[in-house]
C-alpha atoms as a PDB file:
ATOM      1  CA  MET A   1     -21.946  -8.441  13.255  1.00  0.00           C
ATOM      2  CA  TYR A   2     -23.213  -4.902  13.789  1.00  0.00           C
ATOM      3  CA  TRP A   3     -26.355  -3.660  12.061  1.00  0.00           C
ATOM      4  CA  LYS A   4     -27.874  -0.270  11.314  1.00  0.00           C
ATOM      5  CA  VAL A   5     -31.162   0.357   9.520  1.00  0.00           C
ATOM      6  CA  GLY A   6     -32.006   3.763   8.100  1.00  0.00           C
ATOM      7  CA  ILE A   7     -35.184   4.916   6.358  1.00  0.00           C
ATOM      8  CA  ASP A   8     -35.391   7.966   4.112  1.00  0.00           C
ATOM      9  CA  TYR A   9     -38.623   9.119   5.760  1.00  0.00           C
ATOM     10  CA  ASN A  10     -38.965  12.384   3.833  1.00  0.00           C
ATOM     11  CA  ALA A  11     -37.995  10.682   0.539  1.00  0.00           C
ATOM     12  CA  ASP A  12     -35.508  13.389  -0.438  1.00  0.00           C
ATOM     13  CA  GLY A  13     -32.942  10.827  -1.618  1.00  0.00           C
ATOM     14  CA  ILE A  14     -30.576  11.580   1.283  1.00  0.00           C
ATOM     15  CA  PHE A  15     -30.146   9.551   4.476  1.00  0.00           C
ATOM     16  CA  ASP A  16     -29.944  11.715   7.593  1.00  0.00           C
ATOM     17  CA  ASN A  17     -27.846   9.682  10.025  1.00  0.00           C
ATOM     18  CA  LEU A  18     -29.271  11.563  13.016  1.00  0.00           C
ATOM     19  CA  ASN A  19     -33.000  11.704  12.273  1.00  0.00           C
ATOM     20  CA  GLU A  20     -33.484   8.785   9.898  1.00  0.00           C
ATOM     21  CA  LEU A  21     -31.732   5.998  11.817  1.00  0.00           C
ATOM     22  CA  ALA A  22     -34.623   3.568  12.317  1.00  0.00           C
ATOM     23  CA  THR A  23     -32.945   0.931  14.493  1.00  0.00           C
ATOM     24  CA  TYR A  24     -29.639  -0.778  15.232  1.00  0.00           C
ATOM     25  CA  GLY A  25     -28.260  -3.840  17.009  1.00  0.00           C
ATOM     26  CA  PHE A  26     -25.598  -6.529  16.956  1.00  0.00           C
ATOM     27  CA  GLY A  27     -25.618 -10.319  16.623  1.00  0.00           C
ATOM     28  CA  ASN A  28     -25.325 -13.089  14.051  1.00  0.00           C
ATOM     29  CA  THR A  29     -28.797 -14.620  14.392  1.00  0.00           C
ATOM     30  CA  ILE A  30     -32.239 -13.527  13.222  1.00  0.00           C
ATOM     31  CA  MET A  31     -32.992 -10.060  14.572  1.00  0.00           C
ATOM     32  CA  ILE A  32     -36.522  -8.766  15.100  1.00  0.00           C
ATOM     33  CA  GLY A  33     -37.471  -5.235  16.043  1.00  0.00           C
ATOM     34  CA  ASN A  34     -40.139  -2.564  15.774  1.00  0.00           C
ATOM     35  CA  ILE A  35     -39.838   0.604  13.721  1.00  0.00           C
ATOM     36  CA  THR A  36     -41.872   3.667  14.632  1.00  0.00           C
ATOM     37  CA  ILE A  37     -42.861   5.792  11.644  1.00  0.00           C
ATOM     38  CA  PRO A  38     -42.954   9.546  12.419  1.00  0.00           C
ATOM     39  CA  ASN A  39     -46.375  11.179  12.447  1.00  0.00           C
ATOM     40  CA  GLY A  40     -47.545  13.378   9.609  1.00  0.00           C
ATOM     41  CA  LEU A  41     -45.869  11.566   6.703  1.00  0.00           C
ATOM     42  CA  SER A  42     -47.841  11.450   3.479  1.00  0.00           C
ATOM     43  CA  PRO A  43     -48.231   8.071   1.723  1.00  0.00           C
ATOM     44  CA  ARG A  44     -45.145   7.304  -0.343  1.00  0.00           C
ATOM     45  CA  LEU A  45     -42.580   4.718  -1.325  1.00  0.00           C
ATOM     46  CA  SER A  46     -39.149   5.289   0.104  1.00  0.00           C
ATOM     47  CA  ARG A  47     -35.827   3.577   0.656  1.00  0.00           C
ATOM     48  CA  MET A  48     -34.659   1.554   3.629  1.00  0.00           C
ATOM     49  CA  ARG A  49     -30.916   0.945   3.893  1.00  0.00           C
ATOM     50  CA  VAL A  50     -29.608  -2.028   5.901  1.00  0.00           C
ATOM     51  CA  SER A  51     -25.886  -1.854   6.733  1.00  0.00           C
ATOM     52  CA  MET A  52     -23.951  -4.720   8.327  1.00  0.00           C
ATOM     53  CA  ALA A  53     -20.299  -4.505   9.353  1.00  0.00           C
ATOM     54  CA  TYR A  54     -17.860  -6.668  11.278  1.00  0.00           C
ATOM     55  CA  GLY A  55     -16.102  -5.339  14.359  1.00  0.00           C
ATOM     56  CA  GLY A  56     -18.228  -2.240  14.940  1.00  0.00           C
ATOM     57  CA  TYR A  57     -21.215  -0.222  13.817  1.00  0.00           C
ATOM     58  CA  PRO A  58     -21.082   1.475  10.396  1.00  0.00           C
ATOM     59  CA  SER A  59     -20.416   5.167  10.987  1.00  0.00           C
ATOM     60  CA  GLY A  60     -23.242   6.211   8.689  1.00  0.00           C
ATOM     61  CA  PRO A  61     -25.605   5.057   5.927  1.00  0.00           C
ATOM     62  CA  CYS A  62     -23.137   6.097   3.212  1.00  0.00           C
ATOM     63  CA  SER A  63     -19.932   5.007   4.938  1.00  0.00           C
ATOM     64  CA  THR A  64     -17.514   2.493   3.447  1.00  0.00           C
ATOM     65  CA  PHE A  65     -15.934  -0.386   5.344  1.00  0.00           C
ATOM     66  CA  LEU A  66     -13.727  -3.332   4.497  1.00  0.00           C
ATOM     67  CA  TYR A  67     -15.922  -6.184   5.710  1.00  0.00           C
ATOM     68  CA  GLY A  68     -19.696  -6.051   5.595  1.00  0.00           C
ATOM     69  CA  GLU A  69     -22.634  -5.512   3.308  1.00  0.00           C
ATOM     70  CA  VAL A  70     -25.160  -2.806   2.440  1.00  0.00           C
ATOM     71  CA  GLU A  71     -28.582  -3.438   0.919  1.00  0.00           C
ATOM     72  CA  ASP A  72     -31.311  -1.019  -0.140  1.00  0.00           C
ATOM     73  CA  HIS A  73     -34.935  -2.095   0.165  1.00  0.00           C
ATOM     74  CA  CYS A  74     -38.121  -0.421  -0.995  1.00  0.00           C
ATOM     75  CA  VAL A  75     -40.654   0.302   1.763  1.00  0.00           C
ATOM     76  CA  SER A  76     -44.203   1.619   1.612  1.00  0.00           C
ATOM     77  CA  ILE A  77     -45.016   4.345   4.134  1.00  0.00           C
ATOM     78  CA  ASN A  78     -48.699   4.707   5.015  1.00  0.00           C
ATOM     79  CA  GLY A  79     -49.736   2.666   1.985  1.00  0.00           C
ATOM     80  CA  GLY A  80     -47.860   4.774  -0.572  1.00  0.00           C
ATOM     81  CA  THR A  81     -47.352   3.440  -4.110  1.00  0.00           C
ATOM     82  CA  SER A  82     -45.022   6.046  -5.635  1.00  0.00           C
ATOM     83  CA  PHE A  83     -41.844   7.832  -4.662  1.00  0.00           C
ATOM     84  CA  GLY A  84     -42.015  11.268  -3.066  1.00  0.00           C
ATOM     85  CA  GLY A  85     -39.509  14.080  -2.632  1.00  0.00           C
ATOM     86  CA  SER A  86     -37.353  15.732  -5.261  1.00  0.00           C
ATOM     87  CA  THR A  87     -33.749  16.188  -6.239  1.00  0.00           C
ATOM     88  CA  GLU A  88     -32.089  19.576  -6.330  1.00  0.00           C
ATOM     89  CA  GLU A  89     -32.102  21.284  -9.696  1.00  0.00           C
ATOM     90  CA  ASN A  90     -28.324  21.641  -9.806  1.00  0.00           C
ATOM     91  CA  GLU A  91     -27.690  17.976  -9.112  1.00  0.00           C
ATOM     92  CA  MET A  92     -27.849  14.984 -11.388  1.00  0.00           C
ATOM     93  CA  GLU A  93     -27.530  11.275 -10.810  1.00  0.00           C
ATOM     94  CA  ILE A  94     -24.792   9.190 -12.373  1.00  0.00           C
ATOM     95  CA  ARG A  95     -26.074   5.760 -11.402  1.00  0.00           C
ATOM     96  CA  THR A  96     -28.485   3.855 -13.616  1.00  0.00           C
ATOM     97  CA  PRO A  97     -31.975   3.122 -12.241  1.00  0.00           C
ATOM     98  CA  GLN A  98     -32.221   0.041 -10.059  1.00  0.00           C
ATOM     99  CA  THR A  99     -35.161  -2.102  -9.041  1.00  0.00           C
ATOM    100  CA  LEU A 100     -35.079  -2.191  -5.258  1.00  0.00           C
ATOM    101  CA  LYS A 101     -35.880  -5.291  -3.252  1.00  0.00           C
ATOM    102  CA  CYS A 102     -39.138  -6.285  -1.556  1.00  0.00           C
ATOM    103  CA  LEU A 103     -41.770  -4.584  -3.702  1.00  0.00           C
ATOM    104  CA  GLY A 104     -42.200  -5.671  -7.293  1.00  0.00           C
ATOM    105  CA  GLY A 105     -41.859  -2.923  -9.883  1.00  0.00           C
ATOM    106  CA  CYS A 106     -40.511  -0.456  -7.366  1.00  0.00           C
ATOM    107  CA  LEU A 107     -38.224   1.641  -9.555  1.00  0.00           C
ATOM    108  CA  ASP A 108     -36.284   4.489  -7.962  1.00  0.00           C
ATOM    109  CA  LEU A 109     -34.929   6.885 -10.573  1.00  0.00           C
ATOM    110  CA  ARG A 110     -32.944   8.849  -8.013  1.00  0.00           C
ATOM    111  CA  SER A 111     -29.739   7.922  -6.312  1.00  0.00           C
ATOM    112  CA  GLU A 112     -27.531   8.634  -3.344  1.00  0.00           C
ATOM    113  CA  LEU A 113     -24.661   8.953  -5.792  1.00  0.00           C
ATOM    114  CA  LYS A 114     -25.048  12.516  -7.095  1.00  0.00           C
ATOM    115  CA  THR A 115     -22.661  15.147  -8.322  1.00  0.00           C
ATOM    116  CA  ARG A 116     -22.891  18.768  -9.350  1.00  0.00           C
ATOM    117  CA  LYS A 117     -23.438  19.287 -13.060  1.00  0.00           C
ATOM    118  CA  ASN A 118     -20.487  21.628 -13.395  1.00  0.00           C
ATOM    119  CA  ASP A 119     -18.218  19.150 -11.594  1.00  0.00           C
ATOM    120  CA  LEU A 120     -19.042  16.098 -13.683  1.00  0.00           C
ATOM    121  CA  GLY A 121     -16.130  16.217 -16.115  1.00  0.00           C
ATOM    122  CA  ASP A 122     -15.162  12.758 -17.296  1.00  0.00           C
ATOM    123  CA  VAL A 123     -16.901  10.506 -14.805  1.00  0.00           C
ATOM    124  CA  GLN A 124     -15.473   6.988 -14.687  1.00  0.00           C
ATOM    125  CA  THR A 125     -16.958   4.256 -12.564  1.00  0.00           C
ATOM    126  CA  LEU A 126     -14.703   1.422 -11.470  1.00  0.00           C
ATOM    127  CA  ASP A 127     -16.092  -2.095 -11.372  1.00  0.00           C
ATOM    128  CA  ALA A 128     -14.707  -5.620 -11.225  1.00  0.00           C
ATOM    129  CA  TRP A 129     -15.857  -9.213 -11.516  1.00  0.00           C
ATOM    130  CA  VAL A 130     -14.350 -12.391 -10.094  1.00  0.00           C
ATOM    131  CA  TYR A 131     -15.392 -15.786 -11.452  1.00  0.00           C
ATOM    132  CA  PRO A 132     -16.163 -18.651 -11.276  1.00  0.00           C
ATOM    133  CA  ASN A 133     -17.855 -18.413  -7.913  1.00  0.00           C
ATOM    134  CA  PRO A 134     -17.365 -20.749  -6.143  1.00  0.00           C
ATOM    135  CA  SER A 135     -13.948 -21.523  -7.579  1.00  0.00           C
ATOM    136  CA  ASP A 136     -11.503 -24.387  -7.147  1.00  0.00           C
ATOM    137  CA  HIS A 137      -7.919 -24.034  -8.377  1.00  0.00           C
ATOM    138  CA  GLN A 138      -8.133 -20.656 -10.129  1.00  0.00           C
ATOM    139  CA  VAL A 139     -10.194 -17.486 -10.417  1.00  0.00           C
ATOM    140  CA  PHE A 140     -10.405 -14.971 -13.225  1.00  0.00           C
ATOM    141  CA  VAL A 141     -10.602 -11.261 -12.465  1.00  0.00           C
ATOM    142  CA  GLN A 142     -12.121  -8.812 -14.943  1.00  0.00           C
ATOM    143  CA  ILE A 143     -11.622  -5.077 -14.348  1.00  0.00           C
ATOM    144  CA  SER A 144     -13.699  -2.379 -16.034  1.00  0.00           C
ATOM    145  CA  GLU A 145     -10.555  -0.335 -16.694  1.00  0.00           C
ATOM    146  CA  ALA A 146      -6.945  -1.364 -17.244  1.00  0.00           C
ATOM    147  CA  GLY A 147      -4.166  -0.178 -14.967  1.00  0.00           C
ATOM    148  CA  VAL A 148      -5.796  -0.050 -11.529  1.00  0.00           C
ATOM    149  CA  SER A 149      -3.486   0.887  -8.663  1.00  0.00           C
ATOM    150  CA  GLN A 150      -3.796  -2.253  -6.571  1.00  0.00           C
ATOM    151  CA  ILE A 151      -5.717  -5.495  -6.150  1.00  0.00           C
ATOM    152  CA  SER A 152      -5.731  -7.335  -2.814  1.00  0.00           C
ATOM    153  CA  PHE A 153      -7.302 -10.534  -1.529  1.00  0.00           C
ATOM    154  CA  TYR A 154      -8.194 -11.207   2.126  1.00  0.00           C
ATOM    155  CA  ASN A 155      -9.494 -14.303   3.866  1.00  0.00           C
ATOM    156  CA  ALA A 156     -12.378 -14.397   6.361  1.00  0.00           C
ATOM    157  CA  GLN A 157      -9.967 -13.567   9.206  1.00  0.00           C
ATOM    158  CA  SER A 158      -8.914 -10.302   7.485  1.00  0.00           C
ATOM    159  CA  LYS A 159      -5.496 -11.725   6.632  1.00  0.00           C
ATOM    160  CA  LEU A 160      -3.912 -10.517   3.409  1.00  0.00           C
ATOM    161  CA  ILE A 161      -3.535 -13.512   1.084  1.00  0.00           C
ATOM    162  CA  TRP A 162      -2.427 -11.937  -2.190  1.00  0.00           C
ATOM    163  CA  LYS A 163      -1.619  -8.432  -3.436  1.00  0.00           C
ATOM    164  CA  SER A 164      -0.545  -7.086  -6.791  1.00  0.00           C
ATOM    165  CA  VAL A 165       3.037  -5.801  -6.685  1.00  0.00           C
ATOM    166  CA  ASP A 166       2.738  -3.073  -9.307  1.00  0.00           C
ATOM    167  CA  LYS A 167      -0.034  -1.265 -11.100  1.00  0.00           C
ATOM    168  CA  THR A 168      -1.846  -3.687 -13.353  1.00  0.00           C
ATOM    169  CA  THR A 169      -1.625  -3.080 -17.087  1.00  0.00           C
ATOM    170  CA  GLU A 170      -4.282  -5.600 -18.058  1.00  0.00           C
ATOM    171  CA  ASP A 171      -8.034  -5.607 -17.527  1.00  0.00           C
ATOM    172  CA  LYS A 172      -8.267  -9.391 -17.136  1.00  0.00           C
ATOM    173  CA  PHE A 173      -5.984 -11.855 -15.397  1.00  0.00           C
ATOM    174  CA  GLU A 174      -5.904 -15.224 -13.629  1.00  0.00           C
ATOM    175  CA  ILE A 175      -4.984 -16.082 -10.027  1.00  0.00           C
ATOM    176  CA  ASN A 176      -4.023 -19.553  -8.814  1.00  0.00           C
ATOM    177  CA  THR A 177      -6.119 -20.465  -5.752  1.00  0.00           C
ATOM    178  CA  SER A 178      -5.230 -24.153  -5.562  1.00  0.00           C
ATOM    179  CA  ALA A 179      -3.244 -23.625  -2.337  1.00  0.00           C
ATOM    180  CA  TRP A 180      -5.875 -21.396  -0.704  1.00  0.00           C
ATOM    181  CA  PRO A 181      -7.957 -23.141   1.985  1.00  0.00           C
ATOM    182  CA  SER A 182     -11.656 -23.500   1.247  1.00  0.00           C
ATOM    183  CA  GLY A 183     -13.615 -20.515   2.523  1.00  0.00           C
ATOM    184  CA  VAL A 184     -14.896 -17.018   1.778  1.00  0.00           C
ATOM    185  CA  TYR A 185     -12.503 -14.393   0.405  1.00  0.00           C
ATOM    186  CA  GLN A 186     -12.776 -10.703  -0.373  1.00  0.00           C
ATOM    187  CA  MET A 187     -11.148  -8.888  -3.266  1.00  0.00           C
ATOM    188  CA  ILE A 188     -10.400  -5.157  -2.906  1.00  0.00           C
ATOM    189  CA  VAL A 189      -9.693  -3.180  -6.082  1.00  0.00           C
ATOM    190  CA  GLU A 190      -8.331   0.372  -5.875  1.00  0.00           C
ATOM    191  CA  GLY A 191      -8.509   2.656  -8.899  1.00  0.00           C
ATOM    192  CA  HIS A 192      -6.227   5.530  -9.879  1.00  0.00           C
ATOM    193  CA  ASN A 193      -8.587   8.110  -8.358  1.00  0.00           C
ATOM    194  CA  GLY A 194      -8.681   6.355  -4.968  1.00  0.00           C
ATOM    195  CA  GLN A 195     -12.045   4.709  -5.580  1.00  0.00           C
ATOM    196  CA  LYS A 196     -12.274   1.265  -3.984  1.00  0.00           C
ATOM    197  CA  ILE A 197     -14.656  -1.589  -4.621  1.00  0.00           C
ATOM    198  CA  SER A 198     -14.907  -5.006  -2.988  1.00  0.00           C
ATOM    199  CA  LYS A 199     -16.147  -8.368  -4.233  1.00  0.00           C
ATOM    200  CA  ARG A 200     -16.621 -11.565  -2.273  1.00  0.00           C
ATOM    201  CA  PHE A 201     -16.242 -15.092  -3.585  1.00  0.00           C
ATOM    202  CA  THR A 202     -15.812 -18.629  -2.297  1.00  0.00           C
ATOM    203  CA  VAL A 203     -12.996 -21.118  -2.782  1.00  0.00           C
ATOM    204  CA  GLN A 204     -14.271 -24.667  -2.564  1.00  0.00           C
ATOM    205  CA  HIS A 205     -11.950 -27.637  -3.141  1.00  0.00           C
END
């Protein structure tokens, strides 16, 4: 497993892959390291992004990859208790506020996911749910919009296990997993606009 940790030092809501990469490393055990905070930063809360990918380092803090995980954590720089920085006037966020991990009540009203006001149009966000988790002989898949382009399932060895043949016309359906070996699986859903999301679940017989 390959890890990268980035910190938005200047709290502008954007991760600079060159200047804000705090540390990196690889391994599948507990990793411990030191992070040096640049001099001259005013006290503030900011965001730390931890990216983990299989097979190679994530290319950047906002990159997408098939197997891995990304988590955002709230960090206090020099004892800060509130967020600093600002968003550009001609940008607006389209993600709802989220409570970040680590510090209680740390609410970040800004987001990496921004778009120009005049380019918003009809914004649609794709999402999906797979349940129960863990499952035994079947799983149910719920899609936020009907008619996605493709749904695929992969096992822990990146082998394709199941794929939809045609575009789905339903927003909820059932998949028989009784013949799938116990283990961790990943579902990849691709929307009409090319947006992809992934969900992991466990089959346990």
